[in-house]
């Protein structure tokens, strides 16, 4: 069943118990935009303890934050009590108190398009002209952007996320406020998570704003990563792009080990132009990703299938394929000799034959 329809059923139930309740935020925004709705959040004057008495399956982990989750007909709904944020800790986390009206609750929200509410009849409450902003594809802040960004610095990156997700422009008030460096208050983990979202969204507006307004100036490495992604018009593996250009990633950045390795593996294939040696030593599992990046950087149009055939036709696929009697080699020398023979064979300087390889080593000695 449609999740929005289930949300309306929950509203109806809360109303039957004489509580006000509304669907709010992104679900209403996306309903207006006529796109698929993933999450449906609700707001009400009921307390979590009230909700737990009405519905049979309620998670109360967020009760201290005036929040709970209703599990209803196979779906989960985040429900918050009407509240206002009275202060913020570390430019990120609000301290909230319950209030009595929807109007007070909507005033604390970030952008006008996220401050829309819907009652059980489907009527839209729009106190901040969010409908008009959606129509005009404009991202506008509720209140003074300087104050609201200073309260919660992540709002800056949320604005860029929406810009690149929907192809909506930031309004002039927001743009004029970006002379201040709000983002430097954030933890690096937030930066990584958000720029990966911004980069992989359908549109490049978020990266464009980062580049033009130096939004990540407090995190110079990530600022450069975003600028280069925007300039290259490549956003799929932004850390691999940086590795290709500079042949390193800073050791202390907080991306996952898996992502670090993927960036390195992609860059190895790209920087070595998919040579026989690169195909042999490289991670063939990321060949598709490497080809996509290579074609962008080199303005070429090579194909994975051709490289796959080349890989399969390599004269050796691992060191066990080397046609050589290893008993003739001092065990301490086997690593060096293996590397030498691999390179000679793969560069097609010698044939993979016992007598040829033996003679090759005699000449070397």
Protein backbone atom coordinates (compact mmCIF):
# COMPACT_ATOMS: atom_id res chain seq x y z
CA UNK A 1 0.00 0.00 0.00
CA UNK A 2 1.05 3.60 -0.69
CA UNK A 3 3.09 4.85 2.31
CA UNK A 4 1.53 8.30 2.10
CA UNK A 5 -1.92 6.73 2.30
CA UNK A 6 -0.84 4.77 5.39
CA UNK A 7 0.44 8.01 6.91
CA UNK A 8 -2.96 9.59 6.35
CA UNK A 9 -4.54 6.62 8.15
CA UNK A 10 -2.30 7.30 11.16
CA UNK A 11 -3.34 10.97 11.11
CA UNK A 12 -6.97 9.93 11.11
CA UNK A 13 -6.42 7.64 14.10
CA UNK A 14 -4.66 10.40 16.06
CA UNK A 15 -7.48 12.80 15.22
CA UNK A 16 -10.00 10.27 16.51
CA UNK A 17 -8.20 10.48 19.85
CA UNK A 18 -8.52 14.28 19.70
CA UNK A 19 -4.90 15.00 18.80
CA UNK A 20 -3.78 17.29 16.00
CA UNK A 21 -1.52 15.51 13.49
CA UNK A 22 0.05 16.26 10.12
CA UNK A 23 2.35 14.70 7.58
CA UNK A 24 5.25 17.13 7.32
CA UNK A 25 8.50 17.85 5.49
CA UNK A 26 9.95 15.89 2.61
CA UNK A 27 6.92 13.67 2.02
CA UNK A 28 4.69 16.70 1.41
CA UNK A 29 7.38 18.37 -0.69
CA UNK A 30 7.75 15.29 -2.89
CA UNK A 31 3.97 14.85 -3.13
CA UNK A 32 3.79 18.38 -4.55
CA UNK A 33 6.68 17.60 -6.90
CA UNK A 34 4.86 14.44 -8.02
CA UNK A 35 7.83 12.16 -7.37
CA UNK A 36 8.08 8.93 -5.40
CA UNK A 37 7.90 9.27 -1.63
CA UNK A 38 10.30 7.19 0.46
CA UNK A 39 9.89 8.45 4.03
CA UNK A 40 6.75 9.83 5.63
CA UNK A 41 7.28 11.85 8.81
CA UNK A 42 4.50 13.04 11.06
CA UNK A 43 4.15 15.81 13.63
CA UNK A 44 1.50 16.03 16.32
CA UNK A 45 0.65 17.61 19.66
CA UNK A 46 0.57 14.09 21.14
CA UNK A 47 3.51 13.05 23.30
CA UNK A 48 5.35 9.78 22.55
CA UNK A 49 3.74 8.32 25.67
CA UNK A 50 0.30 9.20 24.27
CA UNK A 51 1.14 7.57 20.94
CA UNK A 52 2.31 4.38 22.64
CA UNK A 53 -1.16 4.05 24.20
CA UNK A 54 -2.87 4.36 20.81
CA UNK A 55 -0.74 2.16 18.53
CA UNK A 56 0.32 -1.39 19.27
CA UNK A 57 3.87 -1.25 17.85
CA UNK A 58 5.80 1.86 18.85
CA UNK A 59 9.57 2.29 19.36
CA UNK A 60 10.34 4.79 22.10
CA UNK A 61 14.13 5.21 21.74
CA UNK A 62 13.75 8.90 20.85
CA UNK A 63 11.31 9.78 23.60
CA UNK A 64 13.78 12.14 25.28
CA UNK A 65 13.86 14.08 22.00
CA UNK A 66 10.05 14.13 21.74
CA UNK A 67 10.18 11.52 19.00
CA UNK A 68 9.07 7.93 18.46
CA UNK A 69 8.50 5.47 15.61
CA UNK A 70 5.20 3.86 14.72
CA UNK A 71 5.44 0.49 12.96
CA UNK A 72 2.21 0.23 10.99
CA UNK A 73 1.20 -2.28 8.31
CA UNK A 74 4.80 -3.11 7.44
CA UNK A 75 6.05 0.49 7.32
CA UNK A 76 7.82 2.71 9.84
CA UNK A 77 6.86 6.33 10.50
CA UNK A 78 8.89 8.88 12.45
CA UNK A 79 6.58 10.91 14.66
CA UNK A 80 7.64 14.02 16.56
CA UNK A 81 5.74 16.14 19.03
CA UNK A 82 5.30 19.80 18.08
CA UNK A 83 8.50 21.42 19.32
CA UNK A 84 10.82 24.38 19.07
CA UNK A 85 14.60 24.44 19.30
CA UNK A 86 15.68 26.73 22.10
CA UNK A 87 19.45 26.39 21.65
CA UNK A 88 22.06 24.48 19.68
CA UNK A 89 25.10 22.54 20.86
CA UNK A 90 28.30 22.55 18.74
CA UNK A 91 26.55 24.32 15.82
CA UNK A 92 24.70 21.09 15.08
CA UNK A 93 22.46 19.53 17.72
CA UNK A 94 19.32 21.31 18.94
CA UNK A 95 17.86 21.29 22.43
CA UNK A 96 14.11 21.23 22.01
CA UNK A 97 10.97 21.71 24.08
CA UNK A 98 7.40 20.75 23.30
CA UNK A 99 4.98 23.43 22.10
CA UNK A 100 1.24 23.43 21.46
CA UNK A 101 0.87 24.54 17.84
CA UNK A 102 1.87 23.43 14.38
CA UNK A 103 2.80 27.03 13.54
CA UNK A 104 5.52 27.07 16.20
CA UNK A 105 6.85 23.72 14.99
CA UNK A 106 7.03 24.75 11.33
CA UNK A 107 8.97 27.91 12.22
CA UNK A 108 11.95 25.83 13.41
CA UNK A 109 12.35 23.97 10.09
CA UNK A 110 15.12 24.80 7.66
CA UNK A 111 13.82 25.51 4.14
CA UNK A 112 10.42 26.71 3.01
CA UNK A 113 9.84 23.64 0.84
CA UNK A 114 10.40 21.44 3.92
CA UNK A 115 7.94 23.39 6.08
CA UNK A 116 4.82 22.16 4.31
CA UNK A 117 2.30 20.12 6.27
CA UNK A 118 -0.67 17.99 5.19
CA UNK A 119 -3.74 17.09 7.24
CA UNK A 120 -5.79 13.89 6.94
CA UNK A 121 -7.95 15.39 4.17
CA UNK A 122 -4.85 16.18 2.11
CA UNK A 123 -5.07 19.92 2.68
CA UNK A 124 -1.66 21.62 2.55
CA UNK A 125 -0.57 24.08 5.23
CA UNK A 126 1.95 26.51 3.70
CA UNK A 127 3.01 29.32 6.02
CA UNK A 128 6.24 30.27 4.23
CA UNK A 129 5.35 30.18 0.51
CA UNK A 130 7.02 26.80 0.05
CA UNK A 131 4.62 25.89 -2.77
CA UNK A 132 5.70 28.97 -4.70
CA UNK A 133 9.38 28.16 -4.11
CA UNK A 134 8.89 24.61 -5.39
CA UNK A 135 7.15 25.99 -8.46
CA UNK A 136 10.05 28.42 -9.03
CA UNK A 137 12.68 25.75 -8.23
CA UNK A 138 14.12 27.93 -5.49
CA UNK A 139 15.70 26.96 -2.17
CA UNK A 140 14.86 29.57 0.44
CA UNK A 141 15.59 29.58 4.16
CA UNK A 142 13.01 30.17 6.89
CA UNK A 143 14.49 33.15 8.73
CA UNK A 144 17.90 34.73 8.38
CA UNK A 145 20.31 32.28 6.67
CA UNK A 146 23.29 33.54 8.68
CA UNK A 147 21.52 32.74 11.93
CA UNK A 148 20.05 29.45 10.76
CA UNK A 149 23.36 28.18 9.29
CA UNK A 150 25.20 29.23 12.43
CA UNK A 151 22.70 27.25 14.52
CA UNK A 152 23.17 24.07 12.50
CA UNK A 153 26.06 24.13 10.04
CA UNK A 154 24.90 20.99 8.28
CA UNK A 155 22.08 23.04 6.78
CA UNK A 156 24.59 24.52 4.34
CA UNK A 157 25.38 21.09 2.92
CA UNK A 158 21.70 20.09 3.03
CA UNK A 159 20.98 23.11 0.84
CA UNK A 160 23.62 21.96 -1.64
CA UNK A 161 22.25 18.43 -1.53
CA UNK A 162 18.78 19.68 -2.47
CA UNK A 163 20.25 21.91 -5.18
CA UNK A 164 22.03 19.01 -6.84
CA UNK A 165 19.20 16.55 -6.22
CA UNK A 166 16.38 18.70 -7.62
CA UNK A 167 18.27 21.21 -9.80
CA UNK A 168 16.94 24.04 -7.59
CA UNK A 169 18.87 27.30 -7.20
CA UNK A 170 19.80 28.83 -3.86
CA UNK A 171 18.12 32.18 -3.36
CA UNK A 172 20.14 35.41 -3.06
CA UNK A 173 19.85 35.62 0.72
CA UNK A 174 21.47 32.21 1.09
CA UNK A 175 24.15 32.98 -1.47
CA UNK A 176 24.99 36.29 0.22
CA UNK A 177 25.35 34.52 3.56
CA UNK A 178 28.02 32.14 2.23
CA UNK A 179 30.78 34.66 2.90
CA UNK A 180 30.89 33.10 6.38
CA UNK A 181 32.55 29.72 6.93
CA UNK A 182 29.90 27.66 8.69
CA UNK A 183 31.07 24.24 7.53
CA UNK A 184 34.34 24.33 9.49
CA UNK A 185 32.30 23.59 12.63
CA UNK A 186 31.31 20.17 11.27
CA UNK A 187 33.04 16.87 11.85
CA UNK A 188 34.88 15.41 8.88
CA UNK A 189 32.53 12.41 8.78
CA UNK A 190 29.62 14.75 8.02
CA UNK A 191 31.61 16.40 5.23
CA UNK A 192 32.46 13.08 3.56
CA UNK A 193 28.92 11.75 3.76
CA UNK A 194 27.37 14.91 2.35
CA UNK A 195 29.81 15.59 -0.48
CA UNK A 196 29.40 12.01 -1.68
CA UNK A 197 25.64 12.59 -1.82
CA UNK A 198 26.06 15.99 -3.48
CA UNK A 199 28.48 14.62 -6.06
CA UNK A 200 26.38 11.63 -7.05
CA UNK A 201 23.08 13.51 -7.29
CA UNK A 202 21.70 14.02 -10.82
CA UNK A 203 22.74 17.67 -11.17
CA UNK A 204 26.00 19.55 -10.64
CA UNK A 205 24.63 22.67 -8.94
CA UNK A 206 25.87 21.64 -5.49
CA UNK A 207 29.43 21.18 -6.72
CA UNK A 208 29.17 24.43 -8.65
CA UNK A 209 28.27 26.33 -5.48
CA UNK A 210 31.11 24.66 -3.56
CA UNK A 211 33.58 25.69 -6.26
CA UNK A 212 32.31 29.26 -6.69
CA UNK A 213 31.77 30.12 -3.01
CA UNK A 214 34.63 28.07 -1.50
CA UNK A 215 32.14 26.53 0.89
CA UNK A 216 34.57 23.85 2.08
CA UNK A 217 37.48 26.24 2.61
CA UNK A 218 37.81 24.98 6.17
CA UNK A 219 38.51 21.51 4.72
CA UNK A 220 40.93 22.28 1.85
CA UNK A 221 41.34 18.68 0.65
CA UNK A 222 37.59 18.20 0.21
CA UNK A 223 37.28 21.62 -1.40
CA UNK A 224 39.82 20.56 -4.06
CA UNK A 225 38.12 17.17 -4.49
CA UNK A 226 34.80 18.88 -5.23
CA UNK A 227 36.33 21.52 -7.50
CA UNK A 228 38.11 18.89 -9.58
CA UNK A 229 34.98 16.76 -9.81
CA UNK A 230 33.00 19.78 -11.02
CA UNK A 231 35.68 20.76 -13.55
CA UNK A 232 36.01 17.22 -14.89
CA UNK A 233 32.23 16.69 -14.93
CA UNK A 234 32.89 13.39 -13.21
CA UNK A 235 31.21 12.62 -9.90
CA UNK A 236 30.96 8.86 -9.51
CA UNK A 237 34.22 8.15 -7.65
CA UNK A 238 35.53 11.56 -6.61
CA UNK A 239 38.40 10.22 -4.49
CA UNK A 240 39.60 8.03 -7.35
CA UNK A 241 39.60 11.13 -9.55
CA UNK A 242 41.82 12.94 -7.06
CA UNK A 243 44.15 9.91 -6.84
CA UNK A 244 44.42 9.81 -10.64
CA UNK A 245 45.40 13.45 -10.79
CA UNK A 246 47.83 13.52 -7.86
CA UNK A 247 48.84 9.88 -7.31
CA UNK A 248 48.01 9.93 -3.61
CA UNK A 249 45.28 10.40 -1.04
CA UNK A 250 46.09 11.98 2.33
CA UNK A 251 46.65 9.18 4.81
CA UNK A 252 44.62 10.83 7.56
CA UNK A 253 41.33 11.35 5.73
CA UNK A 254 38.41 9.50 7.25
CA UNK A 255 37.02 7.68 4.24
CA UNK A 256 36.58 3.94 4.72
CA UNK A 257 39.43 1.54 4.01
CA UNK A 258 37.28 -0.01 1.29
CA UNK A 259 36.77 3.34 -0.43
CA UNK A 260 40.46 4.22 -0.06
CA UNK A 261 41.44 0.91 -1.70
CA UNK A 262 38.91 1.34 -4.52
CA UNK A 263 40.24 4.82 -5.30
CA UNK A 264 43.80 3.49 -5.37
CA UNK A 265 42.87 0.49 -7.55
CA UNK A 266 40.98 2.61 -10.08
CA UNK A 267 43.82 5.14 -10.25
CA UNK A 268 46.42 2.42 -10.78
CA UNK A 269 44.67 1.15 -13.91
CA UNK A 270 43.98 4.64 -15.24
CA UNK A 271 47.43 6.11 -14.60
CA UNK A 272 49.07 3.10 -16.29
CA UNK A 273 46.79 3.26 -19.34
CA UNK A 274 45.61 -0.33 -18.87
CA UNK A 275 48.98 -1.75 -19.91
CA UNK A 276 49.54 -5.48 -19.71
CA UNK A 277 51.36 -4.93 -16.43
CA UNK A 278 48.50 -2.83 -15.07
CA UNK A 279 45.94 -5.44 -16.02
CA UNK A 280 48.08 -8.15 -14.44
CA UNK A 281 48.89 -6.39 -11.18
CA UNK A 282 45.73 -4.32 -10.94
CA UNK A 283 42.29 -5.09 -9.57
CA UNK A 284 40.35 -6.26 -12.60
CA UNK A 285 37.14 -6.15 -10.56
CA UNK A 286 37.07 -2.34 -10.85
CA UNK A 287 37.81 -2.29 -14.59
CA UNK A 288 34.41 -0.79 -15.47
CA UNK A 289 34.85 2.10 -13.02
CA UNK A 290 38.41 2.70 -14.23
CA UNK A 291 37.33 2.81 -17.88
CA UNK A 292 34.59 5.35 -17.11
CA UNK A 293 37.07 7.64 -15.36
CA UNK A 294 39.75 7.12 -18.00
CA UNK A 295 37.38 8.13 -20.79
CA UNK A 296 36.51 11.33 -18.94
CA UNK A 297 40.11 12.30 -18.16
CA UNK A 298 41.60 11.33 -21.52
CA UNK A 299 38.61 12.33 -23.65
CA UNK A 300 38.65 8.86 -25.18
CA UNK A 301 36.13 6.14 -25.76
CA UNK A 302 37.66 2.79 -24.88
CA UNK A 303 35.51 -0.15 -23.90
CA UNK A 304 35.58 -2.59 -21.02
CA UNK A 305 34.98 -5.57 -23.32
CA UNK A 306 38.20 -4.98 -25.27
CA UNK A 307 40.26 -4.69 -22.10
CA UNK A 308 38.63 -7.80 -20.69
CA UNK A 309 39.66 -9.73 -23.81
CA UNK A 310 43.20 -8.38 -23.47
CA UNK A 311 43.31 -9.48 -19.84
CA UNK A 312 42.12 -12.96 -20.74
CA UNK A 313 44.77 -13.15 -23.50
CA UNK A 314 47.71 -12.17 -21.26
CA UNK A 315 50.59 -14.66 -21.63
CA UNK A 316 50.42 -15.20 -17.85
CA UNK A 317 47.62 -14.49 -15.37
CA UNK A 318 49.63 -15.15 -12.20
CA UNK A 319 53.13 -16.20 -11.19
CA UNK A 320 52.18 -19.90 -11.33
CA UNK A 321 51.84 -19.55 -15.10
CA UNK A 322 55.54 -18.74 -15.48
CA UNK A 323 57.14 -21.70 -17.23
CA UNK A 324 60.26 -21.98 -15.11
CA UNK A 325 61.97 -24.43 -12.78
CA UNK A 326 62.04 -22.54 -9.50
CA UNK A 327 64.30 -25.11 -7.86
CA UNK A 328 67.14 -23.43 -9.72
CA UNK A 329 66.60 -20.19 -7.80
CA UNK A 330 67.73 -19.36 -4.27
CA UNK A 331 64.52 -18.96 -2.23
CA UNK A 332 65.71 -15.53 -1.09
CA UNK A 333 65.86 -14.42 -4.74
CA UNK A 334 62.49 -15.77 -5.84
CA UNK A 335 60.55 -12.56 -5.21
CA UNK A 336 62.91 -10.45 -7.27
CA UNK A 337 63.19 -13.03 -10.06
CA UNK A 338 59.43 -13.52 -10.18
CA UNK A 339 58.90 -9.78 -10.61
CA UNK A 340 61.55 -9.61 -13.33
CA UNK A 341 60.11 -12.52 -15.32
CA UNK A 342 56.55 -11.24 -14.97
CA UNK A 343 57.55 -7.89 -16.43
CA UNK A 344 59.60 -9.39 -19.26
CA UNK A 345 56.83 -11.78 -20.26
CA UNK A 346 54.00 -9.28 -19.96
CA UNK A 347 55.93 -6.65 -21.90
CA UNK A 348 56.42 -9.35 -24.54
CA UNK A 349 60.19 -9.00 -24.37
CA UNK A 350 60.64 -12.76 -23.94
CA UNK A 351 58.56 -15.85 -24.55
CA UNK A 352 57.21 -17.82 -21.63
CA UNK A 353 59.42 -20.85 -22.30
CA UNK A 354 61.76 -22.61 -19.89
CA UNK A 355 64.89 -22.41 -21.99
CA UNK A 356 64.26 -18.81 -23.00
CA UNK A 357 63.66 -17.68 -19.42
CA UNK A 358 66.66 -19.59 -18.12
CA UNK A 359 68.89 -18.02 -20.75
CA UNK A 360 67.42 -14.61 -19.92
CA UNK A 361 68.41 -15.00 -16.27
CA UNK A 362 71.91 -16.21 -17.20
CA UNK A 363 72.41 -13.08 -19.27
CA UNK A 364 71.19 -10.94 -16.39
CA UNK A 365 73.64 -12.54 -13.99
